[in-house]
Amino acid sequence: MKKVVLELGILQEKFPEYKEAINQLYEKENNFRLLCNDFYRCENSIEKYEKEMMELHITIEEFEHLKNELFKEIEAYLIKNKNQSNQH
């Protein structure tokens, strides 16, 4: 029952002027109910993947930052080593 309430709530937010019609059609029309089910699943999938993409984006940014820091350290190490080699 919770899923039905969520499905109807999402549709009623999208179509506030049709709240009563949404309730009636959902109860009476199987095709409408199936459309609502598909819309709800699609909406949930989008939200899920947007969240995952945001988390992935943060992870990528963290790795980019780490890679840049490591690059700088390696570069400093190589420059230091080059300078020490030139002194000998």
PDB file of N, CA and C in Angstrom:
ATOM      1  N   MET A   1       0.819  -1.204   0.000  1.00  0.00           N
ATOM      2  CA  MET A   1       0.000   0.000   0.000  1.00  0.00           C
ATOM      3  C   MET A   1       0.857   1.260   0.000  1.00  0.00           C
ATOM      4  N   LYS A   2       2.017   1.190   0.670  1.00  0.00           N
ATOM      5  CA  LYS A   2       2.914   2.340   0.740  1.00  0.00           C
ATOM      6  C   LYS A   2       3.366   2.765  -0.649  1.00  0.00           C
ATOM      7  N   LYS A   3       3.683   1.761  -1.511  1.00  0.00           N
ATOM      8  CA  LYS A   3       4.122   2.060  -2.870  1.00  0.00           C
ATOM      9  C   LYS A   3       3.030   2.788  -3.643  1.00  0.00           C
ATOM     10  N   VAL A   4       1.785   2.356  -3.477  1.00  0.00           N
ATOM     11  CA  VAL A   4       0.660   2.995  -4.152  1.00  0.00           C
ATOM     12  C   VAL A   4       0.553   4.450  -3.727  1.00  0.00           C
ATOM     13  N   VAL A   5       0.676   4.707  -2.448  1.00  0.00           N
ATOM     14  CA  VAL A   5       0.602   6.070  -1.936  1.00  0.00           C
ATOM     15  C   VAL A   5       1.730   6.906  -2.532  1.00  0.00           C
ATOM     16  N   LEU A   6       2.935   6.341  -2.601  1.00  0.00           N
ATOM     17  CA  LEU A   6       4.062   7.061  -3.186  1.00  0.00           C
ATOM     18  C   LEU A   6       3.841   7.319  -4.672  1.00  0.00           C
ATOM     19  N   GLU A   7       3.363   6.296  -5.385  1.00  0.00           N
ATOM     20  CA  GLU A   7       3.093   6.457  -6.815  1.00  0.00           C
ATOM     21  C   GLU A   7       2.098   7.588  -7.048  1.00  0.00           C
ATOM     22  N   LEU A   8       0.996   7.529  -6.330  1.00  0.00           N
ATOM     23  CA  LEU A   8      -0.044   8.549  -6.500  1.00  0.00           C
ATOM     24  C   LEU A   8       0.461   9.918  -6.071  1.00  0.00           C
ATOM     25  N   GLY A   9       1.235   9.966  -5.003  1.00  0.00           N
ATOM     26  CA  GLY A   9       1.778  11.240  -4.527  1.00  0.00           C
ATOM     27  C   GLY A   9       2.674  11.903  -5.554  1.00  0.00           C
ATOM     28  N   ILE A  10       3.519  11.107  -6.193  1.00  0.00           N
ATOM     29  CA  ILE A  10       4.417  11.652  -7.218  1.00  0.00           C
ATOM     30  C   ILE A  10       3.599  12.207  -8.379  1.00  0.00           C
ATOM     31  N   LEU A  11       2.621  11.436  -8.825  1.00  0.00           N
ATOM     32  CA  LEU A  11       1.796  11.897  -9.946  1.00  0.00           C
ATOM     33  C   LEU A  11       0.971  13.122  -9.576  1.00  0.00           C
ATOM     34  N   GLN A  12       0.484  13.156  -8.345  1.00  0.00           N
ATOM     35  CA  GLN A  12      -0.301  14.309  -7.911  1.00  0.00           C
ATOM     36  C   GLN A  12       0.563  15.563  -7.799  1.00  0.00           C
ATOM     37  N   GLU A  13       1.838  15.393  -7.502  1.00  0.00           N
ATOM     38  CA  GLU A  13       2.756  16.534  -7.511  1.00  0.00           C
ATOM     39  C   GLU A  13       2.985  17.026  -8.938  1.00  0.00           C
ATOM     40  N   LYS A  14       3.095  16.094  -9.864  1.00  0.00           N
ATOM     41  CA  LYS A  14       3.347  16.451 -11.265  1.00  0.00           C
ATOM     42  C   LYS A  14       2.094  17.049 -11.922  1.00  0.00           C
ATOM     43  N   PHE A  15       0.930  16.566 -11.504  1.00  0.00           N
ATOM     44  CA  PHE A  15      -0.346  16.997 -12.077  1.00  0.00           C
ATOM     45  C   PHE A  15      -1.312  17.410 -10.963  1.00  0.00           C
ATOM     46  N   PRO A  16      -1.016  18.488 -10.255  1.00  0.00           N
ATOM     47  CA  PRO A  16      -1.830  18.847  -9.093  1.00  0.00           C
ATOM     48  C   PRO A  16      -3.297  19.130  -9.441  1.00  0.00           C
ATOM     49  N   GLU A  17      -3.563  19.581 -10.635  1.00  0.00           N
ATOM     50  CA  GLU A  17      -4.941  19.889 -11.010  1.00  0.00           C
ATOM     51  C   GLU A  17      -5.771  18.630 -11.303  1.00  0.00           C
ATOM     52  N   TYR A  18      -5.121  17.454 -11.326  1.00  0.00           N
ATOM     53  CA  TYR A  18      -5.808  16.202 -11.643  1.00  0.00           C
ATOM     54  C   TYR A  18      -5.777  15.188 -10.489  1.00  0.00           C
ATOM     55  N   LYS A  19      -5.631  15.656  -9.276  1.00  0.00           N
ATOM     56  CA  LYS A  19      -5.497  14.742  -8.134  1.00  0.00           C
ATOM     57  C   LYS A  19      -6.642  13.726  -8.060  1.00  0.00           C
ATOM     58  N   GLU A  20      -7.857  14.208  -8.140  1.00  0.00           N
ATOM     59  CA  GLU A  20      -9.001  13.308  -8.020  1.00  0.00           C
ATOM     60  C   GLU A  20      -9.075  12.342  -9.202  1.00  0.00           C
ATOM     61  N   ALA A  21      -8.825  12.841 -10.396  1.00  0.00           N
ATOM     62  CA  ALA A  21      -8.850  11.983 -11.589  1.00  0.00           C
ATOM     63  C   ALA A  21      -7.773  10.904 -11.500  1.00  0.00           C
ATOM     64  N   ILE A  22      -6.611  11.265 -10.967  1.00  0.00           N
ATOM     65  CA  ILE A  22      -5.535  10.278 -10.802  1.00  0.00           C
ATOM     66  C   ILE A  22      -6.002   9.158  -9.879  1.00  0.00           C
ATOM     67  N   ASN A  23      -6.604   9.512  -8.761  1.00  0.00           N
ATOM     68  CA  ASN A  23      -7.098   8.500  -7.816  1.00  0.00           C
ATOM     69  C   ASN A  23      -8.144   7.598  -8.462  1.00  0.00           C
ATOM     70  N   GLN A  24      -9.086   8.202  -9.170  1.00  0.00           N
ATOM     71  CA  GLN A  24     -10.161   7.427  -9.792  1.00  0.00           C
ATOM     72  C   GLN A  24      -9.629   6.510 -10.883  1.00  0.00           C
ATOM     73  N   LEU A  25      -8.795   7.058 -11.756  1.00  0.00           N
ATOM     74  CA  LEU A  25      -8.251   6.245 -12.847  1.00  0.00           C
ATOM     75  C   LEU A  25      -7.365   5.122 -12.317  1.00  0.00           C
ATOM     76  N   TYR A  26      -6.618   5.406 -11.279  1.00  0.00           N
ATOM     77  CA  TYR A  26      -5.746   4.389 -10.701  1.00  0.00           C
ATOM     78  C   TYR A  26      -6.567   3.211 -10.180  1.00  0.00           C
ATOM     79  N   GLU A  27      -7.698   3.508  -9.577  1.00  0.00           N
ATOM     80  CA  GLU A  27      -8.564   2.444  -9.045  1.00  0.00           C
ATOM     81  C   GLU A  27      -9.263   1.656 -10.154  1.00  0.00           C
ATOM     82  N   LYS A  28      -9.691   2.340 -11.217  1.00  0.00           N
ATOM     83  CA  LYS A  28     -10.564   1.731 -12.219  1.00  0.00           C
ATOM     84  C   LYS A  28      -9.847   1.175 -13.444  1.00  0.00           C
ATOM     85  N   GLU A  29      -8.773   1.833 -13.869  1.00  0.00           N
ATOM     86  CA  GLU A  29      -8.154   1.505 -15.159  1.00  0.00           C
ATOM     87  C   GLU A  29      -6.811   0.796 -14.966  1.00  0.00           C
ATOM     88  N   ASN A  30      -6.770  -0.451 -15.381  1.00  0.00           N
ATOM     89  CA  ASN A  30      -5.541  -1.224 -15.259  1.00  0.00           C
ATOM     90  C   ASN A  30      -4.406  -0.606 -16.081  1.00  0.00           C
ATOM     91  N   ASN A  31      -4.693  -0.159 -17.302  1.00  0.00           N
ATOM     92  CA  ASN A  31      -3.654   0.447 -18.135  1.00  0.00           C
ATOM     93  C   ASN A  31      -3.071   1.694 -17.485  1.00  0.00           C
ATOM     94  N   PHE A  32      -3.936   2.514 -16.892  1.00  0.00           N
ATOM     95  CA  PHE A  32      -3.465   3.710 -16.199  1.00  0.00           C
ATOM     96  C   PHE A  32      -2.602   3.328 -15.006  1.00  0.00           C
ATOM     97  N   ARG A  33      -3.038   2.316 -14.275  1.00  0.00           N
ATOM     98  CA  ARG A  33      -2.272   1.838 -13.111  1.00  0.00           C
ATOM     99  C   ARG A  33      -0.893   1.357 -13.554  1.00  0.00           C
ATOM    100  N   LEU A  34      -0.824   0.631 -14.683  1.00  0.00           N
ATOM    101  CA  LEU A  34       0.462   0.159 -15.198  1.00  0.00           C
ATOM    102  C   LEU A  34       1.350   1.326 -15.616  1.00  0.00           C
ATOM    103  N   LEU A  35       0.761   2.336 -16.242  1.00  0.00           N
ATOM    104  CA  LEU A  35       1.530   3.537 -16.584  1.00  0.00           C
ATOM    105  C   LEU A  35       2.087   4.206 -15.337  1.00  0.00           C
ATOM    106  N   CYS A  36       1.263   4.287 -14.319  1.00  0.00           N
ATOM    107  CA  CYS A  36       1.702   4.887 -13.050  1.00  0.00           C
ATOM    108  C   CYS A  36       2.847   4.077 -12.434  1.00  0.00           C
ATOM    109  N   ASN A  37       2.718   2.747 -12.471  1.00  0.00           N
ATOM    110  CA  ASN A  37       3.779   1.877 -11.941  1.00  0.00           C
ATOM    111  C   ASN A  37       5.091   2.110 -12.691  1.00  0.00           C
ATOM    112  N   ASP A  38       5.001   2.162 -14.013  1.00  0.00           N
ATOM    113  CA  ASP A  38       6.203   2.384 -14.826  1.00  0.00           C
ATOM    114  C   ASP A  38       6.810   3.753 -14.551  1.00  0.00           C
ATOM    115  N   PHE A  39       5.960   4.769 -14.444  1.00  0.00           N
ATOM    116  CA  PHE A  39       6.441   6.122 -14.159  1.00  0.00           C
ATOM    117  C   PHE A  39       7.149   6.163 -12.813  1.00  0.00           C
ATOM    118  N   TYR A  40       6.560   5.518 -11.821  1.00  0.00           N
ATOM    119  CA  TYR A  40       7.142   5.472 -10.483  1.00  0.00           C
ATOM    120  C   TYR A  40       8.510   4.785 -10.507  1.00  0.00           C
ATOM    121  N   ARG A  41       8.599   3.642 -11.191  1.00  0.00           N
ATOM    122  CA  ARG A  41       9.881   2.928 -11.275  1.00  0.00           C
ATOM    123  C   ARG A  41      10.923   3.769 -12.007  1.00  0.00           C
ATOM    124  N   CYS A  42      10.498   4.435 -13.059  1.00  0.00           N
ATOM    125  CA  CYS A  42      11.410   5.296 -13.806  1.00  0.00           C
ATOM    126  C   CYS A  42      11.909   6.443 -12.923  1.00  0.00           C
ATOM    127  N   GLU A  43      10.998   7.075 -12.220  1.00  0.00           N
ATOM    128  CA  GLU A  43      11.348   8.176 -11.314  1.00  0.00           C
ATOM    129  C   GLU A  43      12.337   7.694 -10.241  1.00  0.00           C
ATOM    130  N   ASN A  44      12.075   6.536  -9.664  1.00  0.00           N
ATOM    131  CA  ASN A  44      12.979   5.983  -8.645  1.00  0.00           C
ATOM    132  C   ASN A  44      14.350   5.672  -9.217  1.00  0.00           C
ATOM    133  N   SER A  45      14.378   5.121 -10.421  1.00  0.00           N
ATOM    134  CA  SER A  45      15.655   4.794 -11.061  1.00  0.00           C
ATOM    135  C   SER A  45      16.476   6.046 -11.310  1.00  0.00           C
ATOM    136  N   ILE A  46      15.824   7.091 -11.784  1.00  0.00           N
ATOM    137  CA  ILE A  46      16.529   8.352 -12.022  1.00  0.00           C
ATOM    138  C   ILE A  46      17.123   8.878 -10.725  1.00  0.00           C
ATOM    139  N   GLU A  47      16.327   8.898  -9.668  1.00  0.00           N
ATOM    140  CA  GLU A  47      16.820   9.384  -8.369  1.00  0.00           C
ATOM    141  C   GLU A  47      17.991   8.545  -7.879  1.00  0.00           C
ATOM    142  N   LYS A  48      17.874   7.225  -8.015  1.00  0.00           N
ATOM    143  CA  LYS A  48      18.934   6.317  -7.574  1.00  0.00           C
ATOM    144  C   LYS A  48      20.227   6.579  -8.342  1.00  0.00           C
ATOM    145  N   TYR A  49      20.114   6.664  -9.674  1.00  0.00           N
ATOM    146  CA  TYR A  49      21.310   6.841 -10.482  1.00  0.00           C
ATOM    147  C   TYR A  49      21.895   8.235 -10.354  1.00  0.00           C
ATOM    148  N   GLU A  50      21.055   9.240 -10.138  1.00  0.00           N
ATOM    149  CA  GLU A  50      21.586  10.578  -9.883  1.00  0.00           C
ATOM    150  C   GLU A  50      22.411  10.585  -8.602  1.00  0.00           C
ATOM    151  N   LYS A  51      21.900   9.925  -7.579  1.00  0.00           N
ATOM    152  CA  LYS A  51      22.631   9.847  -6.303  1.00  0.00           C
ATOM    153  C   LYS A  51      23.952   9.103  -6.492  1.00  0.00           C
ATOM    154  N   GLU A  52      23.899   7.965  -7.198  1.00  0.00           N
ATOM    155  CA  GLU A  52      25.121   7.198  -7.439  1.00  0.00           C
ATOM    156  C   GLU A  52      26.127   8.008  -8.256  1.00  0.00           C
ATOM    157  N   MET A  53      25.630   8.750  -9.236  1.00  0.00           N
ATOM    158  CA  MET A  53      26.529   9.560 -10.057  1.00  0.00           C
ATOM    159  C   MET A  53      27.162  10.675  -9.236  1.00  0.00           C
ATOM    160  N   MET A  54      26.384  11.264  -8.328  1.00  0.00           N
ATOM    161  CA  MET A  54      26.945  12.303  -7.464  1.00  0.00           C
ATOM    162  C   MET A  54      28.033  11.713  -6.570  1.00  0.00           C
ATOM    163  N   GLU A  55      27.770  10.536  -6.014  1.00  0.00           N
ATOM    164  CA  GLU A  55      28.764   9.883  -5.176  1.00  0.00           C
ATOM    165  C   GLU A  55      29.999   9.526  -5.997  1.00  0.00           C
ATOM    166  N   LEU A  56      29.790   9.047  -7.212  1.00  0.00           N
ATOM    167  CA  LEU A  56      30.899   8.709  -8.099  1.00  0.00           C
ATOM    168  C   LEU A  56      31.690   9.957  -8.457  1.00  0.00           C
ATOM    169  N   HIS A  57      30.987  11.051  -8.724  1.00  0.00           N
ATOM    170  CA  HIS A  57      31.651  12.314  -9.052  1.00  0.00           C
ATOM    171  C   HIS A  57      32.554  12.764  -7.906  1.00  0.00           C
ATOM    172  N   ILE A  58      32.055  12.649  -6.685  1.00  0.00           N
ATOM    173  CA  ILE A  58      32.856  13.019  -5.515  1.00  0.00           C
ATOM    174  C   ILE A  58      34.083  12.117  -5.428  1.00  0.00           C
ATOM    175  N   THR A  59      33.907  10.826  -5.670  1.00  0.00           N
ATOM    176  CA  THR A  59      35.026   9.890  -5.624  1.00  0.00           C
ATOM    177  C   THR A  59      36.052  10.236  -6.696  1.00  0.00           C
ATOM    178  N   ILE A  60      35.601  10.545  -7.888  1.00  0.00           N
ATOM    179  CA  ILE A  60      36.510  10.906  -8.972  1.00  0.00           C
ATOM    180  C   ILE A  60      37.275  12.168  -8.607  1.00  0.00           C
ATOM    181  N   GLU A  61      36.588  13.162  -8.056  1.00  0.00           N
ATOM    182  CA  GLU A  61      37.265  14.392  -7.633  1.00  0.00           C
ATOM    183  C   GLU A  61      38.325  14.100  -6.585  1.00  0.00           C
ATOM    184  N   GLU A  62      38.012  13.221  -5.635  1.00  0.00           N
ATOM    185  CA  GLU A  62      38.991  12.864  -4.605  1.00  0.00           C
ATOM    186  C   GLU A  62      40.214  12.206  -5.220  1.00  0.00           C
ATOM    187  N   PHE A  63      39.999  11.296  -6.163  1.00  0.00           N
ATOM    188  CA  PHE A  63      41.127  10.636  -6.820  1.00  0.00           C
ATOM    189  C   PHE A  63      41.924  11.616  -7.679  1.00  0.00           C
ATOM    190  N   GLU A  64      41.235  12.543  -8.348  1.00  0.00           N
ATOM    191  CA  GLU A  64      41.941  13.563  -9.137  1.00  0.00           C
ATOM    192  C   GLU A  64      42.831  14.409  -8.232  1.00  0.00           C
ATOM    193  N   HIS A  65      42.299  14.793  -7.084  1.00  0.00           N
ATOM    194  CA  HIS A  65      43.077  15.583  -6.136  1.00  0.00           C
ATOM    195  C   HIS A  65      44.290  14.787  -5.645  1.00  0.00           C
ATOM    196  N   LEU A  66      44.070  13.535  -5.280  1.00  0.00           N
ATOM    197  CA  LEU A  66      45.165  12.682  -4.824  1.00  0.00           C
ATOM    198  C   LEU A  66      46.208  12.502  -5.928  1.00  0.00           C
ATOM    199  N   LYS A  67      45.757  12.268  -7.153  1.00  0.00           N
ATOM    200  CA  LYS A  67      46.673  12.094  -8.278  1.00  0.00           C
ATOM    201  C   LYS A  67      47.524  13.346  -8.481  1.00  0.00           C
ATOM    202  N   ASN A  68      46.908  14.532  -8.382  1.00  0.00           N
ATOM    203  CA  ASN A  68      47.649  15.783  -8.537  1.00  0.00           C
ATOM    204  C   ASN A  68      48.681  15.964  -7.438  1.00  0.00           C
ATOM    205  N   GLU A  69      48.306  15.624  -6.215  1.00  0.00           N
ATOM    206  CA  GLU A  69      49.249  15.720  -5.100  1.00  0.00           C
ATOM    207  C   GLU A  69      50.424  14.753  -5.294  1.00  0.00           C
ATOM    208  N   LEU A  70      50.114  13.545  -5.704  1.00  0.00           N
ATOM    209  CA  LEU A  70      51.180  12.559  -5.942  1.00  0.00           C
ATOM    210  C   LEU A  70      52.083  13.001  -7.090  1.00  0.00           C
ATOM    211  N   PHE A  71      51.490  13.555  -8.135  1.00  0.00           N
ATOM    212  CA  PHE A  71      52.277  14.055  -9.264  1.00  0.00           C
ATOM    213  C   PHE A  71      53.267  15.120  -8.802  1.00  0.00           C
ATOM    214  N   LYS A  72      52.781  16.057  -7.984  1.00  0.00           N
ATOM    215  CA  LYS A  72      53.649  17.114  -7.469  1.00  0.00           C
ATOM    216  C   LYS A  72      54.785  16.541  -6.628  1.00  0.00           C
ATOM    217  N   GLU A  73      54.468  15.555  -5.789  1.00  0.00           N
ATOM    218  CA  GLU A  73      55.506  14.941  -4.951  1.00  0.00           C
ATOM    219  C   GLU A  73      56.540  14.201  -5.802  1.00  0.00           C
ATOM    220  N   ILE A  74      56.064  13.481  -6.808  1.00  0.00           N
ATOM    221  CA  ILE A  74      57.002  12.766  -7.697  1.00  0.00           C
ATOM    222  C   ILE A  74      57.871  13.761  -8.440  1.00  0.00           C
ATOM    223  N   GLU A  75      57.252  14.813  -8.947  1.00  0.00           N
ATOM    224  CA  GLU A  75      58.002  15.842  -9.666  1.00  0.00           C
ATOM    225  C   GLU A  75      59.058  16.474  -8.767  1.00  0.00           C
ATOM    226  N   ALA A  76      58.693  16.805  -7.525  1.00  0.00           N
ATOM    227  CA  ALA A  76      59.650  17.391  -6.581  1.00  0.00           C
ATOM    228  C   ALA A  76      60.785  16.413  -6.296  1.00  0.00           C
ATOM    229  N   TYR A  77      60.454  15.157  -6.146  1.00  0.00           N
ATOM    230  CA  TYR A  77      61.453  14.126  -5.891  1.00  0.00           C
ATOM    231  C   TYR A  77      62.428  14.028  -7.062  1.00  0.00           C
ATOM    232  N   LEU A  78      61.882  14.040  -8.288  1.00  0.00           N
ATOM    233  CA  LEU A  78      62.740  13.932  -9.478  1.00  0.00           C
ATOM    234  C   LEU A  78      63.634  15.154  -9.643  1.00  0.00           C
ATOM    235  N   ILE A  79      63.081  16.335  -9.378  1.00  0.00           N
ATOM    236  CA  ILE A  79      63.880  17.561  -9.477  1.00  0.00           C
ATOM    237  C   ILE A  79      64.985  17.549  -8.438  1.00  0.00           C
ATOM    238  N   LYS A  80      64.654  17.139  -7.233  1.00  0.00           N
ATOM    239  CA  LYS A  80      65.654  17.064  -6.168  1.00  0.00           C
ATOM    240  C   LYS A  80      66.744  16.067  -6.544  1.00  0.00           C
ATOM    241  N   ASN A  81      66.330  14.921  -7.063  1.00  0.00           N
ATOM    242  CA  ASN A  81      67.296  13.892  -7.457  1.00  0.00           C
ATOM    243  C   ASN A  81      68.180  14.386  -8.603  1.00  0.00           C
ATOM    244  N   LYS A  82      67.587  15.117  -9.550  1.00  0.00           N
ATOM    245  CA  LYS A  82      68.343  15.660 -10.684  1.00  0.00           C
ATOM    246  C   LYS A  82      69.384  16.656 -10.195  1.00  0.00           C
ATOM    247  N   ASN A  83      68.980  17.521  -9.270  1.00  0.00           N
ATOM    248  CA  ASN A  83      69.897  18.529  -8.721  1.00  0.00           C
ATOM    249  C   ASN A  83      71.044  17.868  -7.958  1.00  0.00           C
ATOM    250  N   GLN A  84      70.747  16.796  -7.234  1.00  0.00           N
ATOM    251  CA  GLN A  84      71.793  16.082  -6.499  1.00  0.00           C
ATOM    252  C   GLN A  84      72.730  15.373  -7.470  1.00  0.00           C
ATOM    253  N   SER A  85      72.204  14.851  -8.568  1.00  0.00           N
ATOM    254  CA  SER A  85      73.038  14.179  -9.566  1.00  0.00           C
ATOM    255  C   SER A  85      73.939  15.164 -10.272  1.00  0.00           C
ATOM    256  N   ASN A  86      73.477  16.385 -10.509  1.00  0.00           N
ATOM    257  CA  ASN A  86      74.277  17.394 -11.188  1.00  0.00           C
ATOM    258  C   ASN A  86      75.398  17.905 -10.296  1.00  0.00           C
ATOM    259  N   GLN A  87      75.248  17.757  -9.000  1.00  0.00           N
ATOM    260  CA  GLN A  87      76.262  18.239  -8.075  1.00  0.00           C
ATOM    261  C   GLN A  87      77.435  17.266  -7.984  1.00  0.00           C
ATOM    262  N   HIS A  88      77.268  16.049  -8.464  1.00  0.00           N
ATOM    263  CA  HIS A  88      78.326  15.048  -8.346  1.00  0.00           C
ATOM    264  C   HIS A  88      79.151  14.984  -9.545  1.00  0.00           C
TER     265      HIS A  88
END
